[in-house]
Amino acid sequence: MVWYGNWAAVIASILFFTLFAVGFAYAPKKRDWKTLGIYEAFMVALFTEMFGFPLTIFLLSSILGITIEPTGETGHLIAVALDRMGIVGLEKGVFLVMAVSSIMILTGLALIILGWKKIHKAAGLVKDGIYRYSRHPQYLGILLITSAFIIQWPTILTVIMWPILVVMYIRLAKKEEKEMEEKFGEEFREYKNKTAMLFTISC
């Protein structure tokens, strides 16, 4: 089976995750579209290498002097690393990587949808449901999805872009919170003090 060169899959995957983000995680504001641009660049880089052309595999093979055959399995570079280190075989490594990343992606999609459902029909400040645990569940969902893809199919470009994406979403969240504080005053400040921006790890 020829894995790469499947440009229809590249386009379909980019369109799906772009339309999902636009439909459920973005309001039509100028600052949102700037962040969406970075998100879009991440998805283009990811799926171009996942289904189109394995640039990262060729670069790593050339720079490190190791042989990595470009197949659907070896694109899971963490699985390849686990195999080369003798921790688990490639097949089991791929299963492990896919299991972890798939759970993260599904969780991220769920966070985005749950967050959208709450704010879509809200008249005031939303503090219940998923918003009891995160002030920005939709942004958390997007960061969870993108980090899952780095685990599943890391590329040089996406690894470089991901920290930029995180910084931009945090900046966007802070700008939105400034507006919310101006609009809701003390009610929002109390909510902010009790609820994490993205998530809290309780021990």
N, C-alpha and C. Protein backbone atom coordinates (compact mmCIF):
# COMPACT_ATOMS: atom_id res chain seq x y z
N MET A 1 0.84 -1.21 0.00
CA MET A 1 0.00 0.00 0.00
C MET A 1 0.87 1.25 0.00
N VAL A 2 0.62 2.17 -0.90
CA VAL A 2 1.34 3.43 -0.96
C VAL A 2 0.65 4.42 -0.03
N TRP A 3 1.35 4.79 1.05
CA TRP A 3 0.74 5.66 2.07
C TRP A 3 0.79 7.13 1.65
N TYR A 4 1.94 7.54 1.14
CA TYR A 4 2.12 8.96 0.82
C TYR A 4 1.62 9.30 -0.58
N GLY A 5 1.53 10.59 -0.85
CA GLY A 5 1.01 11.05 -2.14
C GLY A 5 -0.50 11.06 -2.19
N ASN A 6 -1.14 10.89 -1.04
CA ASN A 6 -2.61 10.88 -0.98
C ASN A 6 -3.11 12.30 -0.69
N TRP A 7 -3.11 13.13 -1.71
CA TRP A 7 -3.43 14.55 -1.53
C TRP A 7 -4.91 14.78 -1.25
N ALA A 8 -5.75 13.85 -1.65
CA ALA A 8 -7.17 13.96 -1.31
C ALA A 8 -7.35 13.86 0.20
N ALA A 9 -6.59 12.95 0.83
CA ALA A 9 -6.65 12.81 2.29
C ALA A 9 -6.09 14.05 2.98
N VAL A 10 -5.05 14.65 2.39
CA VAL A 10 -4.48 15.89 2.94
C VAL A 10 -5.55 16.97 2.98
N ILE A 11 -6.20 17.19 1.85
CA ILE A 11 -7.21 18.25 1.74
C ILE A 11 -8.40 17.97 2.64
N ALA A 12 -8.88 16.72 2.63
CA ALA A 12 -10.05 16.36 3.45
C ALA A 12 -9.77 16.56 4.94
N SER A 13 -8.58 16.17 5.39
CA SER A 13 -8.24 16.29 6.81
C SER A 13 -8.10 17.75 7.22
N ILE A 14 -7.45 18.54 6.38
CA ILE A 14 -7.31 19.97 6.67
C ILE A 14 -8.68 20.64 6.74
N LEU A 15 -9.54 20.33 5.78
CA LEU A 15 -10.88 20.92 5.76
C LEU A 15 -11.68 20.53 6.98
N PHE A 16 -11.62 19.26 7.38
CA PHE A 16 -12.40 18.80 8.53
C PHE A 16 -12.01 19.56 9.79
N PHE A 17 -10.72 19.60 10.11
CA PHE A 17 -10.29 20.23 11.35
C PHE A 17 -10.39 21.75 11.30
N THR A 18 -10.32 22.33 10.09
CA THR A 18 -10.52 23.77 9.96
C THR A 18 -11.98 24.13 10.17
N LEU A 19 -12.87 23.43 9.48
CA LEU A 19 -14.30 23.72 9.60
C LEU A 19 -14.80 23.44 11.01
N PHE A 20 -14.26 22.41 11.65
CA PHE A 20 -14.65 22.11 13.02
C PHE A 20 -14.27 23.26 13.94
N ALA A 21 -13.04 23.75 13.79
CA ALA A 21 -12.57 24.85 14.63
C ALA A 21 -13.36 26.12 14.38
N VAL A 22 -13.60 26.43 13.11
CA VAL A 22 -14.35 27.64 12.77
C VAL A 22 -15.79 27.53 13.26
N GLY A 23 -16.37 26.35 13.13
CA GLY A 23 -17.76 26.17 13.52
C GLY A 23 -18.01 26.15 15.00
N PHE A 24 -17.05 25.64 15.78
CA PHE A 24 -17.31 25.44 17.20
C PHE A 24 -16.41 26.23 18.15
N ALA A 25 -15.30 26.77 17.67
CA ALA A 25 -14.35 27.36 18.62
C ALA A 25 -13.99 28.81 18.35
N TYR A 26 -14.56 29.43 17.32
CA TYR A 26 -14.17 30.79 17.01
C TYR A 26 -15.37 31.70 16.84
N ALA A 27 -15.21 32.91 17.37
CA ALA A 27 -16.17 33.98 17.09
C ALA A 27 -15.56 34.86 16.00
N PRO A 28 -16.38 35.53 15.20
CA PRO A 28 -15.85 36.31 14.09
C PRO A 28 -15.21 37.63 14.53
N LYS A 29 -14.08 37.54 15.22
CA LYS A 29 -13.34 38.72 15.63
C LYS A 29 -11.96 38.67 15.00
N LYS A 30 -11.41 39.85 14.74
CA LYS A 30 -10.14 39.93 14.03
C LYS A 30 -9.04 39.15 14.74
N ARG A 31 -8.97 39.28 16.07
CA ARG A 31 -7.89 38.63 16.81
C ARG A 31 -8.02 37.10 16.76
N ASP A 32 -9.26 36.60 16.66
CA ASP A 32 -9.47 35.16 16.57
C ASP A 32 -8.91 34.61 15.27
N TRP A 33 -9.07 35.35 14.18
CA TRP A 33 -8.61 34.88 12.89
C TRP A 33 -7.09 34.84 12.81
N LYS A 34 -6.41 35.71 13.57
CA LYS A 34 -4.95 35.65 13.61
C LYS A 34 -4.50 34.33 14.22
N THR A 35 -5.14 33.97 15.33
CA THR A 35 -4.80 32.71 15.98
C THR A 35 -5.19 31.53 15.11
N LEU A 36 -6.31 31.65 14.43
CA LEU A 36 -6.75 30.59 13.52
C LEU A 36 -5.73 30.37 12.41
N GLY A 37 -5.06 31.46 11.98
CA GLY A 37 -4.05 31.34 10.94
C GLY A 37 -2.90 30.43 11.35
N ILE A 38 -2.45 30.55 12.61
CA ILE A 38 -1.39 29.68 13.12
C ILE A 38 -1.89 28.25 13.23
N TYR A 39 -3.12 28.11 13.73
CA TYR A 39 -3.74 26.78 13.83
C TYR A 39 -3.82 26.14 12.44
N GLU A 40 -4.22 26.93 11.45
CA GLU A 40 -4.36 26.42 10.09
C GLU A 40 -3.00 25.99 9.53
N ALA A 41 -1.97 26.81 9.78
CA ALA A 41 -0.62 26.47 9.32
C ALA A 41 -0.15 25.16 9.94
N PHE A 42 -0.49 24.97 11.22
CA PHE A 42 -0.14 23.72 11.92
C PHE A 42 -0.79 22.53 11.22
N MET A 43 -2.08 22.64 10.91
CA MET A 43 -2.80 21.53 10.29
C MET A 43 -2.30 21.25 8.87
N VAL A 44 -1.97 22.30 8.13
CA VAL A 44 -1.44 22.12 6.77
C VAL A 44 -0.10 21.39 6.83
N ALA A 45 0.78 21.83 7.74
CA ALA A 45 2.09 21.18 7.88
C ALA A 45 1.93 19.72 8.31
N LEU A 46 1.03 19.49 9.25
CA LEU A 46 0.81 18.14 9.77
C LEU A 46 0.32 17.18 8.69
N PHE A 47 -0.79 17.53 8.05
CA PHE A 47 -1.41 16.57 7.13
C PHE A 47 -0.67 16.47 5.79
N THR A 48 0.09 17.53 5.43
CA THR A 48 0.92 17.43 4.24
C THR A 48 1.98 16.35 4.42
N GLU A 49 2.54 16.29 5.64
CA GLU A 49 3.54 15.25 5.91
C GLU A 49 2.91 13.90 6.23
N MET A 50 1.73 13.92 6.83
CA MET A 50 1.09 12.66 7.21
C MET A 50 0.64 11.86 5.99
N PHE A 51 0.09 12.55 5.00
CA PHE A 51 -0.45 11.85 3.83
C PHE A 51 0.22 12.23 2.50
N GLY A 52 0.95 13.35 2.51
CA GLY A 52 1.50 13.85 1.26
C GLY A 52 2.95 13.48 1.03
N PHE A 53 3.85 14.19 1.74
CA PHE A 53 5.29 13.99 1.53
C PHE A 53 6.01 13.95 2.88
N PRO A 54 6.74 12.87 3.18
CA PRO A 54 7.37 12.69 4.50
C PRO A 54 8.67 13.46 4.67
N LEU A 55 8.60 14.78 4.68
CA LEU A 55 9.79 15.62 4.75
C LEU A 55 10.62 15.35 6.01
N THR A 56 9.95 15.26 7.16
CA THR A 56 10.67 15.05 8.42
C THR A 56 11.45 13.74 8.42
N ILE A 57 10.84 12.68 7.90
CA ILE A 57 11.52 11.38 7.84
C ILE A 57 12.78 11.47 6.98
N PHE A 58 12.68 12.14 5.82
CA PHE A 58 13.84 12.28 4.95
C PHE A 58 14.94 13.12 5.60
N LEU A 59 14.55 14.20 6.28
CA LEU A 59 15.54 15.06 6.93
C LEU A 59 16.23 14.34 8.08
N LEU A 60 15.45 13.63 8.90
CA LEU A 60 16.05 12.90 10.02
C LEU A 60 16.97 11.78 9.52
N SER A 61 16.55 11.11 8.46
CA SER A 61 17.38 10.04 7.89
C SER A 61 18.70 10.60 7.39
N SER A 62 18.63 11.77 6.77
CA SER A 62 19.83 12.40 6.21
C SER A 62 20.74 12.95 7.29
N ILE A 63 20.15 13.68 8.26
CA ILE A 63 20.95 14.33 9.30
C ILE A 63 21.54 13.32 10.28
N LEU A 64 20.72 12.36 10.72
CA LEU A 64 21.16 11.40 11.72
C LEU A 64 21.87 10.19 11.12
N GLY A 65 21.76 10.05 9.82
CA GLY A 65 22.42 8.92 9.16
C GLY A 65 21.78 7.58 9.47
N ILE A 66 20.48 7.59 9.76
CA ILE A 66 19.77 6.34 10.04
C ILE A 66 18.75 6.09 8.93
N THR A 67 18.40 4.85 8.77
CA THR A 67 17.45 4.49 7.72
C THR A 67 16.05 4.38 8.30
N ILE A 68 15.15 5.23 7.81
CA ILE A 68 13.74 5.15 8.18
C ILE A 68 12.94 5.07 6.88
N GLU A 69 12.41 3.91 6.61
CA GLU A 69 11.61 3.75 5.39
C GLU A 69 10.30 4.51 5.55
N PRO A 70 9.95 5.36 4.57
CA PRO A 70 8.71 6.14 4.67
C PRO A 70 7.46 5.28 4.45
N THR A 71 6.86 4.84 5.54
CA THR A 71 5.63 4.05 5.47
C THR A 71 4.60 4.65 6.43
N GLY A 72 3.41 4.11 6.41
CA GLY A 72 2.38 4.58 7.32
C GLY A 72 2.72 4.34 8.78
N GLU A 73 3.54 3.33 9.06
CA GLU A 73 3.93 3.04 10.45
C GLU A 73 5.08 3.92 10.91
N THR A 74 6.07 4.14 10.06
CA THR A 74 7.25 4.89 10.49
C THR A 74 7.00 6.38 10.62
N GLY A 75 5.86 6.84 10.13
CA GLY A 75 5.49 8.24 10.37
C GLY A 75 5.23 8.50 11.84
N HIS A 76 4.92 7.44 12.58
CA HIS A 76 4.74 7.54 14.03
C HIS A 76 6.14 7.49 14.66
N LEU A 77 6.82 8.62 14.66
CA LEU A 77 8.23 8.63 15.03
C LEU A 77 8.49 8.25 16.49
N ILE A 78 7.53 8.51 17.37
CA ILE A 78 7.70 8.08 18.76
C ILE A 78 7.70 6.56 18.83
N ALA A 79 6.84 5.93 18.04
CA ALA A 79 6.81 4.46 17.98
C ALA A 79 8.12 3.92 17.41
N VAL A 80 8.64 4.62 16.40
CA VAL A 80 9.93 4.22 15.83
C VAL A 80 11.03 4.31 16.88
N ALA A 81 11.02 5.41 17.66
CA ALA A 81 12.03 5.59 18.71
C ALA A 81 11.92 4.49 19.77
N LEU A 82 10.70 4.16 20.16
CA LEU A 82 10.50 3.09 21.15
C LEU A 82 11.01 1.76 20.63
N ASP A 83 10.81 1.53 19.33
CA ASP A 83 11.28 0.30 18.70
C ASP A 83 12.81 0.26 18.64
N ARG A 84 13.43 1.38 18.22
CA ARG A 84 14.89 1.43 18.10
C ARG A 84 15.58 1.31 19.46
N MET A 85 14.90 1.79 20.53
CA MET A 85 15.47 1.69 21.88
C MET A 85 15.20 0.34 22.52
N GLY A 86 14.44 -0.50 21.83
CA GLY A 86 14.17 -1.84 22.34
C GLY A 86 13.12 -1.89 23.44
N ILE A 87 12.32 -0.83 23.57
CA ILE A 87 11.30 -0.80 24.62
C ILE A 87 10.09 -1.63 24.22
N VAL A 88 9.56 -1.36 23.04
CA VAL A 88 8.47 -2.18 22.47
C VAL A 88 8.70 -2.27 20.98
N GLY A 89 8.11 -3.27 20.35
CA GLY A 89 8.21 -3.40 18.91
C GLY A 89 7.45 -2.29 18.20
N LEU A 90 7.73 -2.11 16.92
CA LEU A 90 7.12 -1.03 16.16
C LEU A 90 5.60 -1.14 16.14
N GLU A 91 5.09 -2.34 15.92
CA GLU A 91 3.64 -2.52 15.84
C GLU A 91 2.96 -2.15 17.16
N LYS A 92 3.53 -2.61 18.27
CA LYS A 92 2.96 -2.27 19.58
C LYS A 92 3.14 -0.79 19.88
N GLY A 93 4.26 -0.24 19.44
CA GLY A 93 4.51 1.19 19.64
C GLY A 93 3.49 2.04 18.91
N VAL A 94 3.18 1.65 17.68
CA VAL A 94 2.16 2.37 16.90
C VAL A 94 0.81 2.29 17.60
N PHE A 95 0.47 1.09 18.09
CA PHE A 95 -0.80 0.93 18.81
C PHE A 95 -0.86 1.83 20.04
N LEU A 96 0.23 1.88 20.80
CA LEU A 96 0.29 2.71 22.00
C LEU A 96 0.14 4.18 21.67
N VAL A 97 0.89 4.63 20.67
CA VAL A 97 0.84 6.04 20.25
C VAL A 97 -0.55 6.41 19.76
N MET A 98 -1.14 5.54 18.94
CA MET A 98 -2.47 5.81 18.41
C MET A 98 -3.53 5.81 19.51
N ALA A 99 -3.40 4.91 20.47
CA ALA A 99 -4.38 4.84 21.57
C ALA A 99 -4.34 6.12 22.40
N VAL A 100 -3.15 6.53 22.80
CA VAL A 100 -3.01 7.73 23.63
C VAL A 100 -3.47 8.98 22.88
N SER A 101 -3.00 9.14 21.64
CA SER A 101 -3.34 10.34 20.88
C SER A 101 -4.82 10.37 20.50
N SER A 102 -5.40 9.23 20.21
CA SER A 102 -6.83 9.19 19.86
C SER A 102 -7.71 9.58 21.04
N ILE A 103 -7.35 9.12 22.24
CA ILE A 103 -8.09 9.52 23.44
C ILE A 103 -7.99 11.02 23.64
N MET A 104 -6.80 11.57 23.43
CA MET A 104 -6.60 13.02 23.58
C MET A 104 -7.41 13.80 22.55
N ILE A 105 -7.43 13.32 21.31
CA ILE A 105 -8.18 14.01 20.25
C ILE A 105 -9.67 13.99 20.54
N LEU A 106 -10.20 12.83 20.91
CA LEU A 106 -11.62 12.72 21.22
C LEU A 106 -12.00 13.58 22.42
N THR A 107 -11.12 13.63 23.42
CA THR A 107 -11.37 14.49 24.58
C THR A 107 -11.37 15.95 24.17
N GLY A 108 -10.42 16.32 23.31
CA GLY A 108 -10.37 17.70 22.83
C GLY A 108 -11.61 18.09 22.04
N LEU A 109 -12.06 17.20 21.16
CA LEU A 109 -13.28 17.47 20.39
C LEU A 109 -14.48 17.62 21.32
N ALA A 110 -14.55 16.77 22.34
CA ALA A 110 -15.66 16.84 23.30
C ALA A 110 -15.64 18.16 24.07
N LEU A 111 -14.46 18.62 24.49
CA LEU A 111 -14.34 19.89 25.20
C LEU A 111 -14.81 21.05 24.34
N ILE A 112 -14.43 21.04 23.07
CA ILE A 112 -14.83 22.11 22.16
C ILE A 112 -16.34 22.14 21.99
N ILE A 113 -16.94 20.98 21.78
CA ILE A 113 -18.39 20.91 21.57
C ILE A 113 -19.15 21.30 22.84
N LEU A 114 -18.72 20.78 23.99
CA LEU A 114 -19.39 21.10 25.26
C LEU A 114 -19.29 22.59 25.57
N GLY A 115 -18.12 23.16 25.33
CA GLY A 115 -17.95 24.59 25.55
C GLY A 115 -18.83 25.41 24.64
N TRP A 116 -18.90 25.02 23.37
CA TRP A 116 -19.72 25.75 22.39
C TRP A 116 -21.20 25.68 22.77
N LYS A 117 -21.66 24.52 23.19
CA LYS A 117 -23.08 24.35 23.55
C LYS A 117 -23.47 25.26 24.71
N LYS A 118 -22.55 25.45 25.67
CA LYS A 118 -22.87 26.28 26.83
C LYS A 118 -22.93 27.76 26.46
N ILE A 119 -21.94 28.25 25.71
CA ILE A 119 -21.91 29.68 25.42
C ILE A 119 -22.85 30.06 24.29
N HIS A 120 -23.19 29.09 23.43
CA HIS A 120 -24.05 29.39 22.28
C HIS A 120 -25.44 29.84 22.72
N LYS A 121 -25.94 29.28 23.82
CA LYS A 121 -27.28 29.62 24.27
C LYS A 121 -27.28 30.43 25.56
N ALA A 122 -26.11 30.95 25.95
CA ALA A 122 -26.01 31.68 27.21
C ALA A 122 -26.38 33.14 27.04
N ALA A 123 -27.01 33.70 28.07
CA ALA A 123 -27.36 35.12 28.07
C ALA A 123 -26.41 35.93 28.93
N GLY A 124 -25.80 35.29 29.92
CA GLY A 124 -24.89 35.98 30.82
C GLY A 124 -23.57 35.26 30.93
N LEU A 125 -22.89 35.44 32.05
CA LEU A 125 -21.61 34.78 32.28
C LEU A 125 -21.83 33.28 32.52
N VAL A 126 -21.14 32.47 31.75
CA VAL A 126 -21.27 31.01 31.88
C VAL A 126 -20.27 30.51 32.91
N LYS A 127 -20.79 29.87 33.95
CA LYS A 127 -19.93 29.36 35.03
C LYS A 127 -20.20 27.90 35.35
N ASP A 128 -21.19 27.31 34.72
CA ASP A 128 -21.55 25.93 35.05
C ASP A 128 -21.10 24.98 33.95
N GLY A 129 -21.45 23.70 34.12
CA GLY A 129 -21.06 22.70 33.13
C GLY A 129 -19.55 22.58 33.06
N ILE A 130 -19.03 22.47 31.86
CA ILE A 130 -17.59 22.33 31.66
C ILE A 130 -16.84 23.57 32.13
N TYR A 131 -17.54 24.72 32.17
CA TYR A 131 -16.91 25.97 32.60
C TYR A 131 -16.69 26.03 34.10
N ARG A 132 -17.16 25.04 34.84
CA ARG A 132 -16.83 24.94 36.27
C ARG A 132 -15.37 24.53 36.46
N TYR A 133 -14.81 23.89 35.46
CA TYR A 133 -13.46 23.33 35.57
C TYR A 133 -12.43 24.08 34.73
N SER A 134 -12.86 24.79 33.72
CA SER A 134 -11.95 25.52 32.84
C SER A 134 -12.63 26.78 32.32
N ARG A 135 -11.92 27.90 32.36
CA ARG A 135 -12.49 29.14 31.83
C ARG A 135 -12.47 29.16 30.31
N HIS A 136 -11.63 28.33 29.71
CA HIS A 136 -11.52 28.29 28.25
C HIS A 136 -11.45 26.84 27.77
N PRO A 137 -12.51 26.08 27.94
CA PRO A 137 -12.48 24.66 27.54
C PRO A 137 -12.27 24.45 26.05
N GLN A 138 -12.74 25.40 25.23
CA GLN A 138 -12.57 25.24 23.78
C GLN A 138 -11.10 25.38 23.38
N TYR A 139 -10.43 26.35 23.96
CA TYR A 139 -9.00 26.52 23.67
C TYR A 139 -8.20 25.35 24.23
N LEU A 140 -8.59 24.86 25.40
CA LEU A 140 -7.96 23.67 25.96
C LEU A 140 -8.14 22.49 25.01
N GLY A 141 -9.33 22.37 24.44
CA GLY A 141 -9.60 21.30 23.49
C GLY A 141 -8.71 21.37 22.27
N ILE A 142 -8.53 22.58 21.73
CA ILE A 142 -7.68 22.75 20.55
C ILE A 142 -6.23 22.41 20.87
N LEU A 143 -5.75 22.86 22.03
CA LEU A 143 -4.37 22.56 22.41
C LEU A 143 -4.18 21.07 22.68
N LEU A 144 -5.21 20.43 23.20
CA LEU A 144 -5.16 18.99 23.43
C LEU A 144 -5.09 18.23 22.11
N ILE A 145 -5.88 18.66 21.14
CA ILE A 145 -5.88 18.01 19.82
C ILE A 145 -4.53 18.18 19.13
N THR A 146 -4.01 19.40 19.13
CA THR A 146 -2.73 19.65 18.45
C THR A 146 -1.57 18.92 19.14
N SER A 147 -1.59 18.86 20.47
CA SER A 147 -0.53 18.12 21.16
C SER A 147 -0.66 16.62 20.89
N ALA A 148 -1.89 16.14 20.75
CA ALA A 148 -2.11 14.73 20.41
C ALA A 148 -1.52 14.39 19.05
N PHE A 149 -1.67 15.31 18.10
CA PHE A 149 -1.12 15.07 16.77
C PHE A 149 0.41 15.06 16.79
N ILE A 150 1.02 15.84 17.68
CA ILE A 150 2.48 15.80 17.80
C ILE A 150 2.93 14.45 18.34
N ILE A 151 2.17 13.90 19.27
CA ILE A 151 2.47 12.56 19.77
C ILE A 151 2.26 11.52 18.67
N GLN A 152 1.17 11.68 17.94
CA GLN A 152 0.81 10.69 16.92
C GLN A 152 1.71 10.75 15.70
N TRP A 153 2.00 11.96 15.22
CA TRP A 153 2.74 12.11 13.96
C TRP A 153 3.61 13.36 14.03
N PRO A 154 4.70 13.34 14.81
CA PRO A 154 5.52 14.54 14.98
C PRO A 154 6.24 14.92 13.69
N THR A 155 6.27 16.21 13.41
CA THR A 155 7.05 16.73 12.29
C THR A 155 7.87 17.91 12.80
N ILE A 156 8.91 18.25 12.08
CA ILE A 156 9.76 19.36 12.50
C ILE A 156 8.96 20.65 12.59
N LEU A 157 8.14 20.92 11.59
CA LEU A 157 7.38 22.17 11.56
C LEU A 157 6.33 22.25 12.67
N THR A 158 5.61 21.16 12.91
CA THR A 158 4.57 21.22 13.94
C THR A 158 5.17 21.32 15.34
N VAL A 159 6.31 20.69 15.56
CA VAL A 159 6.98 20.80 16.86
C VAL A 159 7.44 22.23 17.10
N ILE A 160 7.88 22.91 16.05
CA ILE A 160 8.28 24.32 16.16
C ILE A 160 7.06 25.21 16.38
N MET A 161 5.98 24.93 15.67
CA MET A 161 4.80 25.80 15.73
C MET A 161 3.97 25.64 16.99
N TRP A 162 4.01 24.46 17.62
CA TRP A 162 3.11 24.21 18.75
C TRP A 162 3.31 25.18 19.91
N PRO A 163 4.55 25.46 20.35
CA PRO A 163 4.71 26.44 21.43
C PRO A 163 4.18 27.83 21.06
N ILE A 164 4.32 28.20 19.79
CA ILE A 164 3.78 29.48 19.33
C ILE A 164 2.27 29.47 19.44
N LEU A 165 1.67 28.35 19.07
CA LEU A 165 0.22 28.19 19.16
C LEU A 165 -0.25 28.33 20.61
N VAL A 166 0.47 27.72 21.54
CA VAL A 166 0.11 27.80 22.96
C VAL A 166 0.15 29.25 23.44
N VAL A 167 1.23 29.95 23.10
CA VAL A 167 1.38 31.36 23.52
C VAL A 167 0.25 32.21 22.95
N MET A 168 -0.09 32.00 21.69
CA MET A 168 -1.14 32.80 21.06
C MET A 168 -2.51 32.54 21.69
N TYR A 169 -2.79 31.30 22.04
CA TYR A 169 -4.08 31.00 22.68
C TYR A 169 -4.15 31.57 24.09
N ILE A 170 -3.05 31.54 24.81
CA ILE A 170 -3.04 32.13 26.15
C ILE A 170 -3.24 33.65 26.06
N ARG A 171 -2.57 34.28 25.10
CA ARG A 171 -2.75 35.72 24.90
C ARG A 171 -4.19 36.04 24.51
N LEU A 172 -4.75 35.23 23.63
CA LEU A 172 -6.14 35.43 23.22
C LEU A 172 -7.08 35.28 24.40
N ALA A 173 -6.84 34.28 25.23
CA ALA A 173 -7.68 34.05 26.41
C ALA A 173 -7.61 35.24 27.36
N LYS A 174 -6.42 35.79 27.56
CA LYS A 174 -6.25 36.94 28.46
C LYS A 174 -6.97 38.18 27.93
N LYS A 175 -6.93 38.38 26.61
CA LYS A 175 -7.64 39.51 26.01
C LYS A 175 -9.15 39.36 26.20
N GLU A 176 -9.64 38.15 26.01
CA GLU A 176 -11.07 37.90 26.19
C GLU A 176 -11.47 38.10 27.65
N GLU A 177 -10.60 37.69 28.56
CA GLU A 177 -10.93 37.83 29.98
C GLU A 177 -10.95 39.29 30.42
N LYS A 178 -10.12 40.09 29.81
CA LYS A 178 -10.15 41.53 30.11
C LYS A 178 -11.51 42.11 29.72
N GLU A 179 -12.03 41.70 28.58
CA GLU A 179 -13.35 42.15 28.14
C GLU A 179 -14.44 41.63 29.07
N MET A 180 -14.31 40.37 29.49
CA MET A 180 -15.30 39.78 30.38
C MET A 180 -15.31 40.49 31.74
N GLU A 181 -14.14 40.88 32.21
CA GLU A 181 -14.07 41.58 33.49
C GLU A 181 -14.71 42.95 33.40
N GLU A 182 -14.51 43.62 32.26
CA GLU A 182 -15.15 44.92 32.06
C GLU A 182 -16.67 44.78 31.97
N LYS A 183 -17.13 43.68 31.42
CA LYS A 183 -18.56 43.48 31.22
C LYS A 183 -19.27 42.98 32.48
N PHE A 184 -18.64 42.03 33.18
CA PHE A 184 -19.32 41.39 34.32
C PHE A 184 -18.76 41.78 35.69
N GLY A 185 -17.64 42.50 35.70
CA GLY A 185 -17.11 43.03 36.94
C GLY A 185 -16.76 41.99 37.98
N GLU A 186 -17.26 42.20 39.21
CA GLU A 186 -16.92 41.36 40.35
C GLU A 186 -17.35 39.91 40.15
N GLU A 187 -18.45 39.69 39.43
CA GLU A 187 -18.92 38.33 39.19
C GLU A 187 -17.86 37.53 38.44
N PHE A 188 -17.25 38.16 37.43
CA PHE A 188 -16.21 37.45 36.67
C PHE A 188 -14.94 37.28 37.50
N ARG A 189 -14.58 38.28 38.30
CA ARG A 189 -13.37 38.18 39.11
C ARG A 189 -13.48 37.03 40.12
N GLU A 190 -14.65 36.85 40.70
CA GLU A 190 -14.86 35.74 41.62
C GLU A 190 -14.75 34.40 40.89
N TYR A 191 -15.35 34.35 39.71
CA TYR A 191 -15.28 33.13 38.89
C TYR A 191 -13.83 32.83 38.50
N LYS A 192 -13.11 33.87 38.12
CA LYS A 192 -11.71 33.73 37.71
C LYS A 192 -10.85 33.20 38.85
N ASN A 193 -11.10 33.65 40.05
CA ASN A 193 -10.32 33.22 41.21
C ASN A 193 -10.58 31.76 41.58
N LYS A 194 -11.74 31.24 41.21
CA LYS A 194 -12.12 29.88 41.59
C LYS A 194 -11.87 28.84 40.49
N THR A 195 -11.69 29.31 39.25
CA THR A 195 -11.63 28.39 38.11
C THR A 195 -10.34 28.59 37.32
N ALA A 196 -9.70 27.50 36.94
CA ALA A 196 -8.45 27.56 36.19
C ALA A 196 -8.68 28.11 34.79
N MET A 197 -7.66 28.78 34.24
CA MET A 197 -7.76 29.27 32.87
C MET A 197 -7.95 28.11 31.89
N LEU A 198 -7.12 27.09 32.02
CA LEU A 198 -7.22 25.93 31.14
C LEU A 198 -7.57 24.67 31.93
N PHE A 199 -6.72 24.29 32.87
CA PHE A 199 -7.02 23.11 33.68
C PHE A 199 -6.22 23.16 34.97
N THR A 200 -6.68 22.41 35.95
CA THR A 200 -5.99 22.30 37.23
C THR A 200 -5.73 20.83 37.52
N ILE A 201 -4.53 20.53 37.99
CA ILE A 201 -4.20 19.17 38.39
C ILE A 201 -4.29 19.11 39.91
N SER A 202 -5.24 18.34 40.41
CA SER A 202 -5.43 18.22 41.86
C SER A 202 -4.68 17.01 42.39
N CYS A 203 -3.99 17.20 43.48
CA CYS A 203 -3.24 16.10 44.09
C CYS A 203 -4.00 15.56 45.30
